[in-house]
Amino acid sequence: MSSQPSALSDSRLANLGARVVAEAYDGFETRFRIVTRRARIRFAERDWAGMSTDARERLDLYERSAEGAAGSIRSIFGERSEDEMVWAGMKAVYSGLNMDRHDWALAATLFNSATRTAPMAVIWSEIFSAARATPSPRPANSPLRLASRRMEAMRSGIGIDS
């Protein structure tokens, strides 16, 4: 079977996409735990600058993981990136992969963040709007972007309003 998106079945493409996000979440969780474990050492050593660096890394890690997964999915899906059946299937597969996780809600959040980038945001908006029969516009300032803006403002010493 060819690895070109057009040659793959909807279910195969959905499985590939779901696994990309699952691997991104696993990588995020592993890295997050490593950075968090350092907190005890940094605290004991009174390494306040190191603690601040770790806090920023933990915050940035989520966005990097979500954006990396989104880029990989766009690459895998190619011209089929607007195929609603593939997206719906990917969500179902991903949910199944995470149903026994203790942190399934966090895993679901990463999926949502990774799949809310263009053109995926348009697809999800249309799917959910049709399911609810009400419009579902995407907010101009997503929580992820707002948190990133706040971190950048903190780094530069500038305050920021919501």
N, C-alpha and C. Protein backbone atom coordinates (compact mmCIF):
# COMPACT_ATOMS: atom_id res chain seq x y z
N MET A 1 0.84 -1.18 0.00
CA MET A 1 0.00 0.00 0.00
C MET A 1 0.89 1.24 0.00
N SER A 2 0.57 2.20 -0.83
CA SER A 2 1.33 3.44 -0.93
C SER A 2 1.17 4.28 0.33
N SER A 3 2.19 5.06 0.63
CA SER A 3 2.12 5.92 1.81
C SER A 3 1.56 7.29 1.46
N GLN A 4 1.18 7.51 0.17
CA GLN A 4 0.57 8.77 -0.21
C GLN A 4 -0.82 8.86 0.41
N PRO A 5 -1.19 10.03 0.98
CA PRO A 5 -2.48 10.17 1.64
C PRO A 5 -3.65 9.75 0.76
N SER A 6 -3.58 10.05 -0.55
CA SER A 6 -4.70 9.72 -1.43
C SER A 6 -4.85 8.21 -1.61
N ALA A 7 -3.79 7.44 -1.37
CA ALA A 7 -3.85 5.99 -1.55
C ALA A 7 -4.27 5.27 -0.28
N LEU A 8 -4.31 5.97 0.84
CA LEU A 8 -4.66 5.34 2.12
C LEU A 8 -6.16 5.42 2.36
N SER A 9 -6.69 4.40 3.01
CA SER A 9 -8.10 4.42 3.36
C SER A 9 -8.34 5.47 4.45
N ASP A 10 -9.60 5.89 4.58
CA ASP A 10 -9.94 6.85 5.64
C ASP A 10 -9.51 6.34 7.00
N SER A 11 -9.79 5.07 7.27
CA SER A 11 -9.47 4.52 8.59
C SER A 11 -7.96 4.46 8.83
N ARG A 12 -7.19 4.13 7.81
CA ARG A 12 -5.73 4.07 7.96
C ARG A 12 -5.16 5.47 8.23
N LEU A 13 -5.65 6.44 7.48
CA LEU A 13 -5.19 7.81 7.67
C LEU A 13 -5.60 8.33 9.05
N ALA A 14 -6.80 8.00 9.49
CA ALA A 14 -7.26 8.40 10.83
C ALA A 14 -6.39 7.76 11.91
N ASN A 15 -6.03 6.50 11.72
CA ASN A 15 -5.16 5.83 12.68
C ASN A 15 -3.78 6.47 12.72
N LEU A 16 -3.23 6.79 11.58
CA LEU A 16 -1.92 7.44 11.54
C LEU A 16 -1.95 8.78 12.27
N GLY A 17 -2.97 9.58 11.99
CA GLY A 17 -3.09 10.88 12.64
C GLY A 17 -3.26 10.76 14.14
N ALA A 18 -4.11 9.82 14.58
CA ALA A 18 -4.35 9.63 16.02
C ALA A 18 -3.07 9.19 16.72
N ARG A 19 -2.30 8.34 16.08
CA ARG A 19 -1.06 7.87 16.69
C ARG A 19 -0.01 8.98 16.78
N VAL A 20 0.00 9.87 15.80
CA VAL A 20 0.92 11.01 15.86
C VAL A 20 0.62 11.86 17.09
N VAL A 21 -0.66 12.13 17.33
CA VAL A 21 -1.02 12.95 18.49
C VAL A 21 -0.73 12.19 19.79
N ALA A 22 -1.02 10.89 19.80
CA ALA A 22 -0.75 10.08 21.00
C ALA A 22 0.75 10.08 21.32
N GLU A 23 1.58 9.96 20.31
CA GLU A 23 3.03 10.00 20.53
C GLU A 23 3.48 11.38 21.00
N ALA A 24 2.86 12.42 20.46
CA ALA A 24 3.19 13.78 20.90
C ALA A 24 2.82 13.96 22.37
N TYR A 25 1.67 13.42 22.77
CA TYR A 25 1.28 13.54 24.18
C TYR A 25 2.22 12.74 25.08
N ASP A 26 2.57 11.54 24.67
CA ASP A 26 3.49 10.74 25.47
C ASP A 26 4.83 11.46 25.64
N GLY A 27 5.32 12.07 24.56
CA GLY A 27 6.56 12.83 24.64
C GLY A 27 6.42 14.04 25.55
N PHE A 28 5.30 14.73 25.45
CA PHE A 28 5.03 15.86 26.32
C PHE A 28 5.03 15.43 27.78
N GLU A 29 4.32 14.37 28.08
CA GLU A 29 4.20 13.91 29.47
C GLU A 29 5.56 13.50 30.03
N THR A 30 6.34 12.78 29.24
CA THR A 30 7.66 12.35 29.68
C THR A 30 8.55 13.56 29.98
N ARG A 31 8.60 14.49 29.05
CA ARG A 31 9.44 15.67 29.23
C ARG A 31 8.95 16.51 30.40
N PHE A 32 7.64 16.65 30.55
CA PHE A 32 7.06 17.42 31.65
C PHE A 32 7.48 16.83 33.00
N ARG A 33 7.43 15.50 33.10
CA ARG A 33 7.82 14.83 34.35
C ARG A 33 9.30 15.05 34.66
N ILE A 34 10.13 14.99 33.63
CA ILE A 34 11.57 15.19 33.83
C ILE A 34 11.84 16.60 34.36
N VAL A 35 11.23 17.58 33.73
CA VAL A 35 11.44 18.97 34.15
C VAL A 35 10.88 19.18 35.56
N THR A 36 9.73 18.59 35.84
CA THR A 36 9.11 18.75 37.15
C THR A 36 9.94 18.10 38.25
N ARG A 37 10.55 16.96 37.98
CA ARG A 37 11.39 16.29 38.98
C ARG A 37 12.59 17.16 39.38
N ARG A 38 13.06 17.95 38.43
CA ARG A 38 14.18 18.83 38.73
C ARG A 38 13.81 19.88 39.76
N ALA A 39 12.52 20.15 39.93
CA ALA A 39 12.08 21.21 40.84
C ALA A 39 12.57 20.96 42.27
N ARG A 40 12.53 19.72 42.73
CA ARG A 40 13.00 19.41 44.10
C ARG A 40 14.47 19.77 44.27
N ILE A 41 15.25 19.38 43.28
CA ILE A 41 16.70 19.65 43.34
C ILE A 41 16.95 21.15 43.30
N ARG A 42 16.29 21.82 42.37
CA ARG A 42 16.48 23.27 42.24
C ARG A 42 16.05 23.99 43.51
N PHE A 43 14.94 23.54 44.11
CA PHE A 43 14.47 24.15 45.35
C PHE A 43 15.49 23.93 46.47
N ALA A 44 15.96 22.69 46.61
CA ALA A 44 16.93 22.37 47.67
C ALA A 44 18.22 23.18 47.50
N GLU A 45 18.59 23.42 46.26
CA GLU A 45 19.81 24.19 45.99
C GLU A 45 19.56 25.70 45.90
N ARG A 46 18.32 26.09 46.11
CA ARG A 46 17.92 27.50 46.03
C ARG A 46 18.29 28.12 44.68
N ASP A 47 18.11 27.34 43.65
CA ASP A 47 18.40 27.77 42.29
C ASP A 47 17.14 28.41 41.70
N TRP A 48 16.89 29.67 42.09
CA TRP A 48 15.65 30.34 41.69
C TRP A 48 15.62 30.59 40.19
N ALA A 49 16.74 30.94 39.61
CA ALA A 49 16.78 31.16 38.16
C ALA A 49 16.46 29.86 37.41
N GLY A 50 17.03 28.77 37.90
CA GLY A 50 16.75 27.47 37.29
C GLY A 50 15.28 27.08 37.42
N MET A 51 14.69 27.39 38.58
CA MET A 51 13.27 27.10 38.77
C MET A 51 12.41 27.90 37.80
N SER A 52 12.79 29.15 37.59
CA SER A 52 12.06 30.00 36.65
C SER A 52 12.20 29.47 35.22
N THR A 53 13.40 29.04 34.86
CA THR A 53 13.63 28.46 33.54
C THR A 53 12.78 27.20 33.35
N ASP A 54 12.75 26.35 34.37
CA ASP A 54 11.94 25.13 34.29
C ASP A 54 10.46 25.44 34.17
N ALA A 55 9.99 26.45 34.88
CA ALA A 55 8.57 26.82 34.80
C ALA A 55 8.23 27.27 33.38
N ARG A 56 9.09 28.08 32.78
CA ARG A 56 8.85 28.50 31.39
C ARG A 56 8.89 27.30 30.45
N GLU A 57 9.84 26.39 30.68
CA GLU A 57 9.94 25.22 29.82
C GLU A 57 8.68 24.37 29.89
N ARG A 58 8.15 24.20 31.10
CA ARG A 58 6.92 23.41 31.24
C ARG A 58 5.76 24.07 30.49
N LEU A 59 5.67 25.39 30.57
CA LEU A 59 4.60 26.09 29.86
C LEU A 59 4.78 26.02 28.34
N ASP A 60 6.00 26.20 27.87
CA ASP A 60 6.28 26.17 26.43
C ASP A 60 6.16 24.76 25.85
N LEU A 61 6.42 23.78 26.66
CA LEU A 61 6.42 22.40 26.20
C LEU A 61 5.07 21.98 25.60
N TYR A 62 4.00 22.39 26.22
CA TYR A 62 2.67 22.03 25.74
C TYR A 62 2.44 22.57 24.33
N GLU A 63 2.71 23.86 24.16
CA GLU A 63 2.48 24.46 22.85
C GLU A 63 3.37 23.84 21.78
N ARG A 64 4.63 23.60 22.11
CA ARG A 64 5.53 22.95 21.14
C ARG A 64 5.03 21.56 20.77
N SER A 65 4.53 20.82 21.74
CA SER A 65 4.02 19.48 21.46
C SER A 65 2.79 19.53 20.56
N ALA A 66 1.88 20.44 20.87
CA ALA A 66 0.65 20.57 20.07
C ALA A 66 0.97 21.02 18.64
N GLU A 67 1.85 22.01 18.52
CA GLU A 67 2.21 22.52 17.20
C GLU A 67 2.98 21.48 16.39
N GLY A 68 3.84 20.73 17.05
CA GLY A 68 4.57 19.67 16.35
C GLY A 68 3.64 18.60 15.81
N ALA A 69 2.67 18.21 16.63
CA ALA A 69 1.69 17.21 16.19
C ALA A 69 0.86 17.76 15.03
N ALA A 70 0.46 19.02 15.12
CA ALA A 70 -0.34 19.63 14.05
C ALA A 70 0.43 19.64 12.73
N GLY A 71 1.70 19.99 12.78
CA GLY A 71 2.52 19.99 11.57
C GLY A 71 2.67 18.61 10.97
N SER A 72 2.86 17.61 11.83
CA SER A 72 2.99 16.23 11.35
C SER A 72 1.68 15.76 10.72
N ILE A 73 0.57 16.10 11.32
CA ILE A 73 -0.72 15.69 10.77
C ILE A 73 -0.95 16.33 9.41
N ARG A 74 -0.66 17.63 9.29
CA ARG A 74 -0.82 18.30 7.99
C ARG A 74 0.04 17.62 6.93
N SER A 75 1.24 17.24 7.32
CA SER A 75 2.14 16.58 6.39
C SER A 75 1.61 15.21 5.98
N ILE A 76 1.11 14.45 6.93
CA ILE A 76 0.57 13.12 6.65
C ILE A 76 -0.69 13.19 5.80
N PHE A 77 -1.59 14.11 6.14
CA PHE A 77 -2.88 14.19 5.47
C PHE A 77 -2.78 14.78 4.07
N GLY A 78 -1.82 15.68 3.87
CA GLY A 78 -1.65 16.27 2.55
C GLY A 78 -2.93 16.87 2.02
N GLU A 79 -3.29 16.51 0.80
CA GLU A 79 -4.48 17.07 0.16
C GLU A 79 -5.78 16.60 0.81
N ARG A 80 -5.68 15.64 1.71
CA ARG A 80 -6.89 15.15 2.39
C ARG A 80 -7.08 15.82 3.75
N SER A 81 -6.40 16.93 3.97
CA SER A 81 -6.48 17.60 5.27
C SER A 81 -7.85 18.21 5.54
N GLU A 82 -8.73 18.25 4.55
CA GLU A 82 -10.07 18.77 4.77
C GLU A 82 -11.13 17.67 4.70
N ASP A 83 -10.72 16.43 4.78
CA ASP A 83 -11.64 15.29 4.70
C ASP A 83 -12.30 15.05 6.06
N GLU A 84 -13.57 15.42 6.17
CA GLU A 84 -14.28 15.32 7.45
C GLU A 84 -14.35 13.90 8.00
N MET A 85 -14.48 12.92 7.14
CA MET A 85 -14.56 11.52 7.61
C MET A 85 -13.25 11.10 8.28
N VAL A 86 -12.15 11.54 7.74
CA VAL A 86 -10.85 11.21 8.33
C VAL A 86 -10.73 11.86 9.70
N TRP A 87 -11.15 13.12 9.80
CA TRP A 87 -11.07 13.83 11.08
C TRP A 87 -11.95 13.19 12.14
N ALA A 88 -13.16 12.87 11.76
CA ALA A 88 -14.07 12.24 12.72
C ALA A 88 -13.50 10.88 13.16
N GLY A 89 -12.94 10.15 12.21
CA GLY A 89 -12.33 8.86 12.54
C GLY A 89 -11.12 9.01 13.42
N MET A 90 -10.32 10.04 13.16
CA MET A 90 -9.13 10.26 13.98
C MET A 90 -9.51 10.57 15.42
N LYS A 91 -10.54 11.36 15.61
CA LYS A 91 -11.00 11.67 16.97
C LYS A 91 -11.45 10.40 17.68
N ALA A 92 -12.18 9.54 16.98
CA ALA A 92 -12.66 8.29 17.57
C ALA A 92 -11.49 7.37 17.93
N VAL A 93 -10.53 7.24 17.03
CA VAL A 93 -9.37 6.38 17.29
C VAL A 93 -8.58 6.93 18.48
N TYR A 94 -8.35 8.23 18.50
CA TYR A 94 -7.59 8.83 19.59
C TYR A 94 -8.29 8.63 20.92
N SER A 95 -9.59 8.79 20.94
CA SER A 95 -10.35 8.57 22.18
C SER A 95 -10.17 7.13 22.65
N GLY A 96 -10.21 6.19 21.73
CA GLY A 96 -10.01 4.78 22.09
C GLY A 96 -8.62 4.51 22.61
N LEU A 97 -7.62 5.16 22.04
CA LEU A 97 -6.24 4.96 22.49
C LEU A 97 -6.03 5.45 23.93
N ASN A 98 -6.84 6.42 24.34
CA ASN A 98 -6.63 7.05 25.64
C ASN A 98 -7.67 6.70 26.69
N MET A 99 -8.59 5.83 26.38
CA MET A 99 -9.70 5.60 27.31
C MET A 99 -9.27 5.01 28.65
N ASP A 100 -8.16 4.31 28.71
CA ASP A 100 -7.71 3.72 29.97
C ASP A 100 -6.62 4.53 30.68
N ARG A 101 -6.29 5.69 30.14
CA ARG A 101 -5.26 6.53 30.76
C ARG A 101 -5.82 7.22 31.99
N HIS A 102 -4.99 7.38 32.99
CA HIS A 102 -5.42 8.13 34.17
C HIS A 102 -5.54 9.62 33.85
N ASP A 103 -4.82 10.07 32.85
CA ASP A 103 -4.81 11.48 32.46
C ASP A 103 -5.47 11.71 31.10
N TRP A 104 -6.53 10.95 30.84
CA TRP A 104 -7.19 11.01 29.53
C TRP A 104 -7.68 12.41 29.18
N ALA A 105 -8.11 13.18 30.19
CA ALA A 105 -8.62 14.53 29.91
C ALA A 105 -7.50 15.43 29.39
N LEU A 106 -6.30 15.32 29.96
CA LEU A 106 -5.16 16.10 29.47
C LEU A 106 -4.76 15.65 28.07
N ALA A 107 -4.80 14.34 27.84
CA ALA A 107 -4.49 13.82 26.51
C ALA A 107 -5.50 14.35 25.48
N ALA A 108 -6.76 14.42 25.87
CA ALA A 108 -7.79 14.94 24.97
C ALA A 108 -7.56 16.42 24.69
N THR A 109 -7.08 17.15 25.68
CA THR A 109 -6.80 18.57 25.50
C THR A 109 -5.69 18.78 24.48
N LEU A 110 -4.65 17.95 24.53
CA LEU A 110 -3.59 18.09 23.56
C LEU A 110 -4.11 17.80 22.15
N PHE A 111 -4.96 16.78 22.03
CA PHE A 111 -5.56 16.47 20.73
C PHE A 111 -6.31 17.70 20.22
N ASN A 112 -7.13 18.29 21.07
CA ASN A 112 -7.92 19.45 20.66
C ASN A 112 -7.03 20.61 20.25
N SER A 113 -5.97 20.85 21.00
CA SER A 113 -5.05 21.93 20.66
C SER A 113 -4.34 21.66 19.33
N ALA A 114 -3.91 20.43 19.14
CA ALA A 114 -3.18 20.07 17.92
C ALA A 114 -4.07 20.14 16.68
N THR A 115 -5.36 19.88 16.86
CA THR A 115 -6.25 19.83 15.70
C THR A 115 -7.05 21.12 15.52
N ARG A 116 -6.75 22.14 16.27
CA ARG A 116 -7.47 23.41 16.12
C ARG A 116 -6.64 24.43 15.35
N THR A 117 -5.82 23.96 14.45
CA THR A 117 -5.05 24.86 13.60
C THR A 117 -5.61 24.76 12.18
N ALA A 118 -5.43 25.78 11.39
CA ALA A 118 -5.96 25.79 10.03
C ALA A 118 -5.27 24.73 9.19
N PRO A 119 -5.97 24.03 8.29
CA PRO A 119 -7.39 24.09 8.01
C PRO A 119 -8.25 23.26 8.97
N MET A 120 -7.60 22.65 9.95
CA MET A 120 -8.33 21.77 10.85
C MET A 120 -9.39 22.52 11.65
N ALA A 121 -9.11 23.76 12.03
CA ALA A 121 -10.07 24.53 12.82
C ALA A 121 -11.37 24.72 12.04
N VAL A 122 -11.25 24.94 10.75
CA VAL A 122 -12.44 25.11 9.92
C VAL A 122 -13.25 23.82 9.89
N ILE A 123 -12.57 22.71 9.73
CA ILE A 123 -13.26 21.41 9.69
C ILE A 123 -13.96 21.15 11.01
N TRP A 124 -13.23 21.29 12.12
CA TRP A 124 -13.84 21.01 13.43
C TRP A 124 -15.01 21.94 13.69
N SER A 125 -14.85 23.21 13.33
CA SER A 125 -15.92 24.17 13.53
C SER A 125 -17.17 23.73 12.76
N GLU A 126 -16.97 23.30 11.52
CA GLU A 126 -18.11 22.85 10.71
C GLU A 126 -18.73 21.57 11.27
N ILE A 127 -17.90 20.62 11.70
CA ILE A 127 -18.41 19.36 12.25
C ILE A 127 -19.22 19.63 13.51
N PHE A 128 -18.63 20.41 14.44
CA PHE A 128 -19.32 20.65 15.70
C PHE A 128 -20.54 21.54 15.52
N SER A 129 -20.45 22.50 14.60
CA SER A 129 -21.61 23.35 14.35
C SER A 129 -22.76 22.53 13.80
N ALA A 130 -22.46 21.62 12.88
CA ALA A 130 -23.51 20.77 12.32
C ALA A 130 -24.09 19.87 13.40
N ALA A 131 -23.25 19.35 14.27
CA ALA A 131 -23.72 18.46 15.32
C ALA A 131 -24.62 19.20 16.31
N ARG A 132 -24.33 20.44 16.59
CA ARG A 132 -25.12 21.21 17.54
C ARG A 132 -26.19 22.03 16.85
N ALA A 133 -26.10 22.18 15.54
CA ALA A 133 -27.00 23.00 14.74
C ALA A 133 -26.96 24.46 15.19
N THR A 134 -25.80 24.89 15.70
CA THR A 134 -25.59 26.29 16.06
C THR A 134 -24.20 26.68 15.60
N PRO A 135 -24.01 27.96 15.29
CA PRO A 135 -22.67 28.38 14.87
C PRO A 135 -21.66 28.18 16.00
N SER A 136 -20.43 27.88 15.62
CA SER A 136 -19.38 27.66 16.61
C SER A 136 -18.10 28.37 16.18
N PRO A 137 -18.09 29.72 16.23
CA PRO A 137 -16.88 30.41 15.79
C PRO A 137 -15.73 30.20 16.76
N ARG A 138 -14.55 30.17 16.22
CA ARG A 138 -13.35 30.02 17.05
C ARG A 138 -12.98 31.38 17.64
N PRO A 139 -12.75 31.47 18.94
CA PRO A 139 -12.40 32.76 19.55
C PRO A 139 -11.11 33.31 18.97
N ALA A 140 -11.05 34.63 18.89
CA ALA A 140 -9.86 35.28 18.34
C ALA A 140 -8.63 34.99 19.20
N ASN A 141 -8.81 34.93 20.50
CA ASN A 141 -7.69 34.63 21.41
C ASN A 141 -7.94 33.30 22.08
N SER A 142 -7.35 32.26 21.56
CA SER A 142 -7.50 30.95 22.18
C SER A 142 -6.73 30.96 23.51
N PRO A 143 -7.13 30.12 24.47
CA PRO A 143 -6.41 30.06 25.75
C PRO A 143 -4.93 29.77 25.57
N LEU A 144 -4.59 28.94 24.61
CA LEU A 144 -3.20 28.59 24.36
C LEU A 144 -2.41 29.82 23.91
N ARG A 145 -2.96 30.59 22.99
CA ARG A 145 -2.28 31.79 22.50
C ARG A 145 -2.19 32.85 23.60
N LEU A 146 -3.27 33.00 24.38
CA LEU A 146 -3.26 33.97 25.46
C LEU A 146 -2.19 33.63 26.50
N ALA A 147 -2.07 32.34 26.84
CA ALA A 147 -1.05 31.91 27.79
C ALA A 147 0.35 32.19 27.23
N SER A 148 0.53 31.94 25.94
CA SER A 148 1.83 32.20 25.32
C SER A 148 2.16 33.69 25.35
N ARG A 149 1.16 34.52 25.06
CA ARG A 149 1.38 35.97 25.10
C ARG A 149 1.74 36.42 26.50
N ARG A 150 1.08 35.85 27.50
CA ARG A 150 1.38 36.22 28.88
C ARG A 150 2.80 35.82 29.26
N MET A 151 3.22 34.62 28.82
CA MET A 151 4.59 34.17 29.13
C MET A 151 5.61 35.10 28.48
N GLU A 152 5.37 35.47 27.23
CA GLU A 152 6.30 36.37 26.55
C GLU A 152 6.36 37.71 27.26
N ALA A 153 5.21 38.19 27.71
CA ALA A 153 5.18 39.47 28.43
C ALA A 153 5.94 39.36 29.74
N MET A 154 5.79 38.21 30.42
CA MET A 154 6.51 38.02 31.68
C MET A 154 8.02 37.98 31.43
N ARG A 155 8.41 37.32 30.35
CA ARG A 155 9.84 37.24 30.03
C ARG A 155 10.44 38.62 29.78
N SER A 156 9.67 39.45 29.10
CA SER A 156 10.19 40.77 28.77
C SER A 156 9.91 41.81 29.85
N GLY A 157 9.19 41.40 30.92
CA GLY A 157 8.93 42.31 32.03
C GLY A 157 7.80 43.27 31.78
N ILE A 158 7.00 43.00 30.75
CA ILE A 158 5.88 43.87 30.40
C ILE A 158 4.60 43.21 30.86
N GLY A 159 3.68 43.97 31.43
CA GLY A 159 2.38 43.45 31.82
C GLY A 159 1.48 43.30 30.60
N ILE A 160 0.47 42.47 30.69
CA ILE A 160 -0.45 42.28 29.57
C ILE A 160 -1.85 42.10 30.11
N ASP A 161 -2.77 42.70 29.43
CA ASP A 161 -4.18 42.53 29.82
C ASP A 161 -4.77 41.36 29.06
N SER A 162 -5.79 40.74 29.62
CA SER A 162 -6.50 39.66 28.92
C SER A 162 -7.21 40.28 27.78
